[in-house]
PDB file of all heavy atoms in Angstrom:
ATOM      1  N   PRO A   1       1.039  -2.487  -6.431  1.00  0.00           N
ATOM      2  CA  PRO A   1       0.429  -3.153  -7.588  1.00  0.00           C
ATOM      3  C   PRO A   1      -0.997  -3.635  -7.329  1.00  0.00           C
ATOM      4  O   PRO A   1      -1.789  -3.772  -8.261  1.00  0.00           O
ATOM      5  CB  PRO A   1       1.345  -4.334  -7.881  1.00  0.00           C
ATOM      6  CG  PRO A   1       2.407  -4.340  -6.873  1.00  0.00           C
ATOM      7  CD  PRO A   1       2.246  -3.148  -5.986  1.00  0.00           C
ATOM      8  N   GLY A   2      -1.348  -3.887  -6.065  1.00  0.00           N
ATOM      9  CA  GLY A   2      -2.692  -4.366  -5.748  1.00  0.00           C
ATOM     10  C   GLY A   2      -3.722  -3.265  -5.594  1.00  0.00           C
ATOM     11  O   GLY A   2      -4.920  -3.500  -5.759  1.00  0.00           O
ATOM     12  N   GLU A   3      -3.274  -2.055  -5.295  1.00  0.00           N
ATOM     13  CA  GLU A   3      -4.213  -0.964  -5.028  1.00  0.00           C
ATOM     14  C   GLU A   3      -5.213  -0.721  -6.165  1.00  0.00           C
ATOM     15  O   GLU A   3      -6.405  -0.546  -5.891  1.00  0.00           O
ATOM     16  CB  GLU A   3      -3.448   0.316  -4.698  1.00  0.00           C
ATOM     17  CG  GLU A   3      -4.362   1.432  -4.249  1.00  0.00           C
ATOM     18  CD  GLU A   3      -3.604   2.682  -3.834  1.00  0.00           C
ATOM     19  OE1 GLU A   3      -2.763   2.595  -2.913  1.00  0.00           O
ATOM     20  OE2 GLU A   3      -3.872   3.743  -4.435  1.00  0.00           O
ATOM     21  N   PRO A   4      -4.803  -0.728  -7.444  1.00  0.00           N
ATOM     22  CA  PRO A   4      -5.798  -0.500  -8.512  1.00  0.00           C
ATOM     23  C   PRO A   4      -6.938  -1.519  -8.510  1.00  0.00           C
ATOM     24  O   PRO A   4      -8.094  -1.156  -8.745  1.00  0.00           O
ATOM     25  CB  PRO A   4      -4.978  -0.582  -9.804  1.00  0.00           C
ATOM     26  CG  PRO A   4      -3.586  -0.192  -9.385  1.00  0.00           C
ATOM     27  CD  PRO A   4      -3.435  -0.767  -7.989  1.00  0.00           C
ATOM     28  N   LEU A   5      -6.640  -2.786  -8.243  1.00  0.00           N
ATOM     29  CA  LEU A   5      -7.699  -3.808  -8.164  1.00  0.00           C
ATOM     30  C   LEU A   5      -8.676  -3.466  -7.054  1.00  0.00           C
ATOM     31  O   LEU A   5      -9.892  -3.473  -7.262  1.00  0.00           O
ATOM     32  CB  LEU A   5      -7.102  -5.197  -7.908  1.00  0.00           C
ATOM     33  CG  LEU A   5      -8.125  -6.270  -7.481  1.00  0.00           C
ATOM     34  CD1 LEU A   5      -9.087  -6.603  -8.609  1.00  0.00           C
ATOM     35  CD2 LEU A   5      -7.423  -7.509  -6.958  1.00  0.00           C
ATOM     36  N   TYR A   6      -8.159  -3.155  -5.886  1.00  0.00           N
ATOM     37  CA  TYR A   6      -9.036  -2.902  -4.750  1.00  0.00           C
ATOM     38  C   TYR A   6      -9.859  -1.629  -4.948  1.00  0.00           C
ATOM     39  O   TYR A   6     -11.042  -1.600  -4.590  1.00  0.00           O
ATOM     40  CB  TYR A   6      -8.227  -2.858  -3.450  1.00  0.00           C
ATOM     41  CG  TYR A   6      -7.511  -4.163  -3.185  1.00  0.00           C
ATOM     42  CD1 TYR A   6      -6.131  -4.216  -3.064  1.00  0.00           C
ATOM     43  CD2 TYR A   6      -8.214  -5.366  -3.092  1.00  0.00           C
ATOM     44  CE1 TYR A   6      -5.475  -5.420  -2.836  1.00  0.00           C
ATOM     45  CE2 TYR A   6      -7.564  -6.568  -2.865  1.00  0.00           C
ATOM     46  CZ  TYR A   6      -6.198  -6.586  -2.744  1.00  0.00           C
ATOM     47  OH  TYR A   6      -5.552  -7.772  -2.524  1.00  0.00           O
ATOM     48  N   LEU A   7      -9.269  -0.607  -5.536  1.00  0.00           N
ATOM     49  CA  LEU A   7     -10.037   0.606  -5.848  1.00  0.00           C
ATOM     50  C   LEU A   7     -11.168   0.274  -6.818  1.00  0.00           C
ATOM     51  O   LEU A   7     -12.303   0.727  -6.635  1.00  0.00           O
ATOM     52  CB  LEU A   7      -9.131   1.686  -6.437  1.00  0.00           C
ATOM     53  CG  LEU A   7      -8.169   2.369  -5.469  1.00  0.00           C
ATOM     54  CD1 LEU A   7      -7.167   3.237  -6.239  1.00  0.00           C
ATOM     55  CD2 LEU A   7      -8.924   3.202  -4.444  1.00  0.00           C
ATOM     56  N   ALA A   8     -10.873  -0.521  -7.837  1.00  0.00           N
ATOM     57  CA  ALA A   8     -11.882  -0.899  -8.836  1.00  0.00           C
ATOM     58  C   ALA A   8     -13.001  -1.745  -8.219  1.00  0.00           C
ATOM     59  O   ALA A   8     -14.107  -1.780  -8.750  1.00  0.00           O
ATOM     60  CB  ALA A   8     -11.226  -1.660  -9.987  1.00  0.00           C
ATOM     61  N   CYS A   9     -12.706  -2.398  -7.088  1.00  0.00           N
ATOM     62  CA  CYS A   9     -13.693  -3.253  -6.421  1.00  0.00           C
ATOM     63  C   CYS A   9     -14.385  -2.547  -5.263  1.00  0.00           C
ATOM     64  O   CYS A   9     -15.051  -3.189  -4.445  1.00  0.00           O
ATOM     65  CB  CYS A   9     -13.024  -4.540  -5.946  1.00  0.00           C
ATOM     66  SG  CYS A   9     -12.509  -5.615  -7.306  1.00  0.00           S
ATOM     67  N   GLY A  10     -14.237  -1.230  -5.172  1.00  0.00           N
ATOM     68  CA  GLY A  10     -14.995  -0.461  -4.194  1.00  0.00           C
ATOM     69  C   GLY A  10     -14.297  -0.156  -2.881  1.00  0.00           C
ATOM     70  O   GLY A  10     -14.907   0.432  -1.991  1.00  0.00           O
ATOM     71  N   PHE A  11     -13.044  -0.538  -2.733  1.00  0.00           N
ATOM     72  CA  PHE A  11     -12.292  -0.187  -1.526  1.00  0.00           C
ATOM     73  C   PHE A  11     -11.839   1.262  -1.619  1.00  0.00           C
ATOM     74  O   PHE A  11     -11.657   1.792  -2.711  1.00  0.00           O
ATOM     75  CB  PHE A  11     -11.058  -1.085  -1.366  1.00  0.00           C
ATOM     76  CG  PHE A  11     -11.370  -2.454  -0.853  1.00  0.00           C
ATOM     77  CD1 PHE A  11     -11.833  -3.439  -1.707  1.00  0.00           C
ATOM     78  CD2 PHE A  11     -11.195  -2.761   0.489  1.00  0.00           C
ATOM     79  CE1 PHE A  11     -12.114  -4.715  -1.239  1.00  0.00           C
ATOM     80  CE2 PHE A  11     -11.475  -4.027   0.964  1.00  0.00           C
ATOM     81  CZ  PHE A  11     -11.940  -5.006   0.105  1.00  0.00           C
ATOM     82  N   GLN A  12     -11.652   1.888  -0.466  1.00  0.00           N
ATOM     83  CA  GLN A  12     -11.140   3.252  -0.403  1.00  0.00           C
ATOM     84  C   GLN A  12      -9.921   3.293   0.494  1.00  0.00           C
ATOM     85  O   GLN A  12      -9.899   2.646   1.547  1.00  0.00           O
ATOM     86  CB  GLN A  12     -12.206   4.206   0.134  1.00  0.00           C
ATOM     87  CG  GLN A  12     -13.406   4.328  -0.788  1.00  0.00           C
ATOM     88  CD  GLN A  12     -14.433   5.298  -0.250  1.00  0.00           C
ATOM     89  OE1 GLN A  12     -14.521   5.554   0.945  1.00  0.00           O
ATOM     90  NE2 GLN A  12     -15.224   5.848  -1.159  1.00  0.00           N
ATOM     91  N   VAL A  13      -8.928   4.072   0.076  1.00  0.00           N
ATOM     92  CA  VAL A  13      -7.733   4.264   0.888  1.00  0.00           C
ATOM     93  C   VAL A  13      -8.089   5.164   2.067  1.00  0.00           C
ATOM     94  O   VAL A  13      -8.702   6.209   1.890  1.00  0.00           O
ATOM     95  CB  VAL A  13      -6.599   4.922   0.067  1.00  0.00           C
ATOM     96  CG1 VAL A  13      -5.401   5.252   0.958  1.00  0.00           C
ATOM     97  CG2 VAL A  13      -6.190   4.034  -1.105  1.00  0.00           C
ATOM     98  N   PHE A  14      -7.728   4.742   3.277  1.00  0.00           N
ATOM     99  CA  PHE A  14      -7.927   5.630   4.418  1.00  0.00           C
ATOM    100  C   PHE A  14      -6.618   5.916   5.153  1.00  0.00           C
ATOM    101  O   PHE A  14      -6.582   6.762   6.042  1.00  0.00           O
ATOM    102  CB  PHE A  14      -9.015   5.122   5.382  1.00  0.00           C
ATOM    103  CG  PHE A  14      -8.670   3.898   6.174  1.00  0.00           C
ATOM    104  CD1 PHE A  14      -8.106   4.005   7.447  1.00  0.00           C
ATOM    105  CD2 PHE A  14      -8.933   2.635   5.672  1.00  0.00           C
ATOM    106  CE1 PHE A  14      -7.808   2.879   8.190  1.00  0.00           C
ATOM    107  CE2 PHE A  14      -8.641   1.505   6.414  1.00  0.00           C
ATOM    108  CZ  PHE A  14      -8.072   1.621   7.673  1.00  0.00           C
ATOM    109  N   GLU A  15      -5.538   5.252   4.744  1.00  0.00           N
ATOM    110  CA  GLU A  15      -4.231   5.551   5.333  1.00  0.00           C
ATOM    111  C   GLU A  15      -3.140   5.066   4.390  1.00  0.00           C
ATOM    112  O   GLU A  15      -3.211   3.961   3.873  1.00  0.00           O
ATOM    113  CB  GLU A  15      -4.092   4.835   6.681  1.00  0.00           C
ATOM    114  CG  GLU A  15      -2.751   5.034   7.347  1.00  0.00           C
ATOM    115  CD  GLU A  15      -2.555   4.202   8.599  1.00  0.00           C
ATOM    116  OE1 GLU A  15      -3.395   3.319   8.896  1.00  0.00           O
ATOM    117  OE2 GLU A  15      -1.550   4.428   9.279  1.00  0.00           O
ATOM    118  N   ARG A  16      -2.159   5.914   4.160  1.00  0.00           N
ATOM    119  CA  ARG A  16      -0.959   5.505   3.440  1.00  0.00           C
ATOM    120  C   ARG A  16       0.153   5.412   4.476  1.00  0.00           C
ATOM    121  O   ARG A  16       0.261   6.255   5.353  1.00  0.00           O
ATOM    122  CB  ARG A  16      -0.610   6.501   2.353  1.00  0.00           C
ATOM    123  CG  ARG A  16      -1.680   6.539   1.257  1.00  0.00           C
ATOM    124  CD  ARG A  16      -1.143   7.105  -0.041  1.00  0.00           C
ATOM    125  NE  ARG A  16      -2.202   7.229  -1.014  1.00  0.00           N
ATOM    126  CZ  ARG A  16      -2.638   6.248  -1.806  1.00  0.00           C
ATOM    127  NH1 ARG A  16      -2.083   5.061  -1.737  1.00  0.00           N
ATOM    128  NH2 ARG A  16      -3.608   6.449  -2.667  1.00  0.00           N
ATOM    129  N   PHE A  17       0.935   4.351   4.390  1.00  0.00           N
ATOM    130  CA  PHE A  17       2.019   4.181   5.348  1.00  0.00           C
ATOM    131  C   PHE A  17       3.190   3.468   4.679  1.00  0.00           C
ATOM    132  O   PHE A  17       3.073   2.997   3.553  1.00  0.00           O
ATOM    133  CB  PHE A  17       1.541   3.433   6.599  1.00  0.00           C
ATOM    134  CG  PHE A  17       1.111   2.003   6.363  1.00  0.00           C
ATOM    135  CD1 PHE A  17       1.952   0.955   6.697  1.00  0.00           C
ATOM    136  CD2 PHE A  17      -0.147   1.712   5.836  1.00  0.00           C
ATOM    137  CE1 PHE A  17       1.557  -0.361   6.495  1.00  0.00           C
ATOM    138  CE2 PHE A  17      -0.553   0.400   5.636  1.00  0.00           C
ATOM    139  CZ  PHE A  17       0.302  -0.639   5.966  1.00  0.00           C
ATOM    140  N   GLN A  18       4.294   3.445   5.370  1.00  0.00           N
ATOM    141  CA  GLN A  18       5.488   2.767   4.879  1.00  0.00           C
ATOM    142  C   GLN A  18       5.926   1.747   5.905  1.00  0.00           C
ATOM    143  O   GLN A  18       5.723   1.947   7.100  1.00  0.00           O
ATOM    144  CB  GLN A  18       6.624   3.772   4.668  1.00  0.00           C
ATOM    145  CG  GLN A  18       6.313   4.834   3.655  1.00  0.00           C
ATOM    146  CD  GLN A  18       7.475   5.822   3.518  1.00  0.00           C
ATOM    147  OE1 GLN A  18       8.480   5.729   4.195  1.00  0.00           O
ATOM    148  NE2 GLN A  18       7.313   6.776   2.623  1.00  0.00           N
ATOM    149  N   ILE A  19       6.522   0.679   5.413  1.00  0.00           N
ATOM    150  CA  ILE A  19       7.116  -0.268   6.348  1.00  0.00           C
ATOM    151  C   ILE A  19       8.628  -0.257   6.144  1.00  0.00           C
ATOM    152  O   ILE A  19       9.114  -0.166   5.018  1.00  0.00           O
ATOM    153  CB  ILE A  19       6.524  -1.689   6.232  1.00  0.00           C
ATOM    154  CG1 ILE A  19       6.609  -2.243   4.819  1.00  0.00           C
ATOM    155  CG2 ILE A  19       5.097  -1.713   6.689  1.00  0.00           C
ATOM    156  CD1 ILE A  19       6.186  -3.697   4.726  1.00  0.00           C
ATOM    157  N   ASP A  20       9.330  -0.294   7.258  1.00  0.00           N
ATOM    158  CA  ASP A  20      10.786  -0.341   7.255  1.00  0.00           C
ATOM    159  C   ASP A  20      11.212  -1.800   7.243  1.00  0.00           C
ATOM    160  O   ASP A  20      10.823  -2.575   8.125  1.00  0.00           O
ATOM    161  CB  ASP A  20      11.346   0.356   8.495  1.00  0.00           C
ATOM    162  CG  ASP A  20      11.019   1.842   8.516  1.00  0.00           C
ATOM    163  OD1 ASP A  20      11.058   2.474   7.445  1.00  0.00           O
ATOM    164  OD2 ASP A  20      10.714   2.357   9.608  1.00  0.00           O
ATOM    165  N   LEU A  21      12.011  -2.139   6.248  1.00  0.00           N
ATOM    166  CA  LEU A  21      12.467  -3.511   6.086  1.00  0.00           C
ATOM    167  C   LEU A  21      13.976  -3.575   6.294  1.00  0.00           C
ATOM    168  O   LEU A  21      14.662  -2.556   6.192  1.00  0.00           O
ATOM    169  CB  LEU A  21      12.079  -4.006   4.685  1.00  0.00           C
ATOM    170  CG  LEU A  21      10.577  -4.016   4.417  1.00  0.00           C
ATOM    171  CD1 LEU A  21      10.270  -4.116   2.943  1.00  0.00           C
ATOM    172  CD2 LEU A  21       9.928  -5.155   5.193  1.00  0.00           C
ATOM    173  N   PRO A  22      14.513  -4.755   6.589  1.00  0.00           N
ATOM    174  CA  PRO A  22      15.961  -4.869   6.770  1.00  0.00           C
ATOM    175  C   PRO A  22      16.733  -4.331   5.563  1.00  0.00           C
ATOM    176  O   PRO A  22      16.241  -4.322   4.436  1.00  0.00           O
ATOM    177  CB  PRO A  22      16.162  -6.383   6.924  1.00  0.00           C
ATOM    178  CG  PRO A  22      14.875  -6.858   7.522  1.00  0.00           C
ATOM    179  CD  PRO A  22      13.820  -6.016   6.851  1.00  0.00           C
ATOM    180  N   GLY A  23      17.929  -3.857   5.834  1.00  0.00           N
ATOM    181  CA  GLY A  23      18.768  -3.310   4.767  1.00  0.00           C
ATOM    182  C   GLY A  23      18.436  -1.874   4.432  1.00  0.00           C
ATOM    183  O   GLY A  23      18.858  -1.364   3.395  1.00  0.00           O
ATOM    184  N   GLY A  24      17.654  -1.219   5.281  1.00  0.00           N
ATOM    185  CA  GLY A  24      17.299   0.169   5.031  1.00  0.00           C
ATOM    186  C   GLY A  24      16.266   0.359   3.928  1.00  0.00           C
ATOM    187  O   GLY A  24      16.075   1.459   3.428  1.00  0.00           O
ATOM    188  N   VAL A  25      15.578  -0.692   3.569  1.00  0.00           N
ATOM    189  CA  VAL A  25      14.562  -0.621   2.515  1.00  0.00           C
ATOM    190  C   VAL A  25      13.243  -0.157   3.123  1.00  0.00           C
ATOM    191  O   VAL A  25      12.816  -0.656   4.166  1.00  0.00           O
ATOM    192  CB  VAL A  25      14.389  -1.992   1.822  1.00  0.00           C
ATOM    193  CG1 VAL A  25      13.268  -1.949   0.790  1.00  0.00           C
ATOM    194  CG2 VAL A  25      15.697  -2.435   1.185  1.00  0.00           C
ATOM    195  N   ILE A  26      12.597   0.792   2.470  1.00  0.00           N
ATOM    196  CA  ILE A  26      11.296   1.305   2.893  1.00  0.00           C
ATOM    197  C   ILE A  26      10.313   1.050   1.754  1.00  0.00           C
ATOM    198  O   ILE A  26      10.615   1.340   0.592  1.00  0.00           O
ATOM    199  CB  ILE A  26      11.372   2.813   3.203  1.00  0.00           C
ATOM    200  CG1 ILE A  26      12.335   3.048   4.365  1.00  0.00           C
ATOM    201  CG2 ILE A  26       9.988   3.369   3.518  1.00  0.00           C
ATOM    202  CD1 ILE A  26      12.656   4.506   4.611  1.00  0.00           C
ATOM    203  N   ALA A  27       9.137   0.499   2.070  1.00  0.00           N
ATOM    204  CA  ALA A  27       8.136   0.184   1.049  1.00  0.00           C
ATOM    205  C   ALA A  27       6.793   0.796   1.423  1.00  0.00           C
ATOM    206  O   ALA A  27       6.319   0.621   2.544  1.00  0.00           O
ATOM    207  CB  ALA A  27       7.999  -1.320   0.880  1.00  0.00           C
TER     208      ALA A  27
END
């Protein structure tokens, strides 16, 4: 949800990643 704000403010994505959370949840 935050990525659109940062893109609009001049940030650029240089890496997409996932974090493994308890309960087998990946975000």
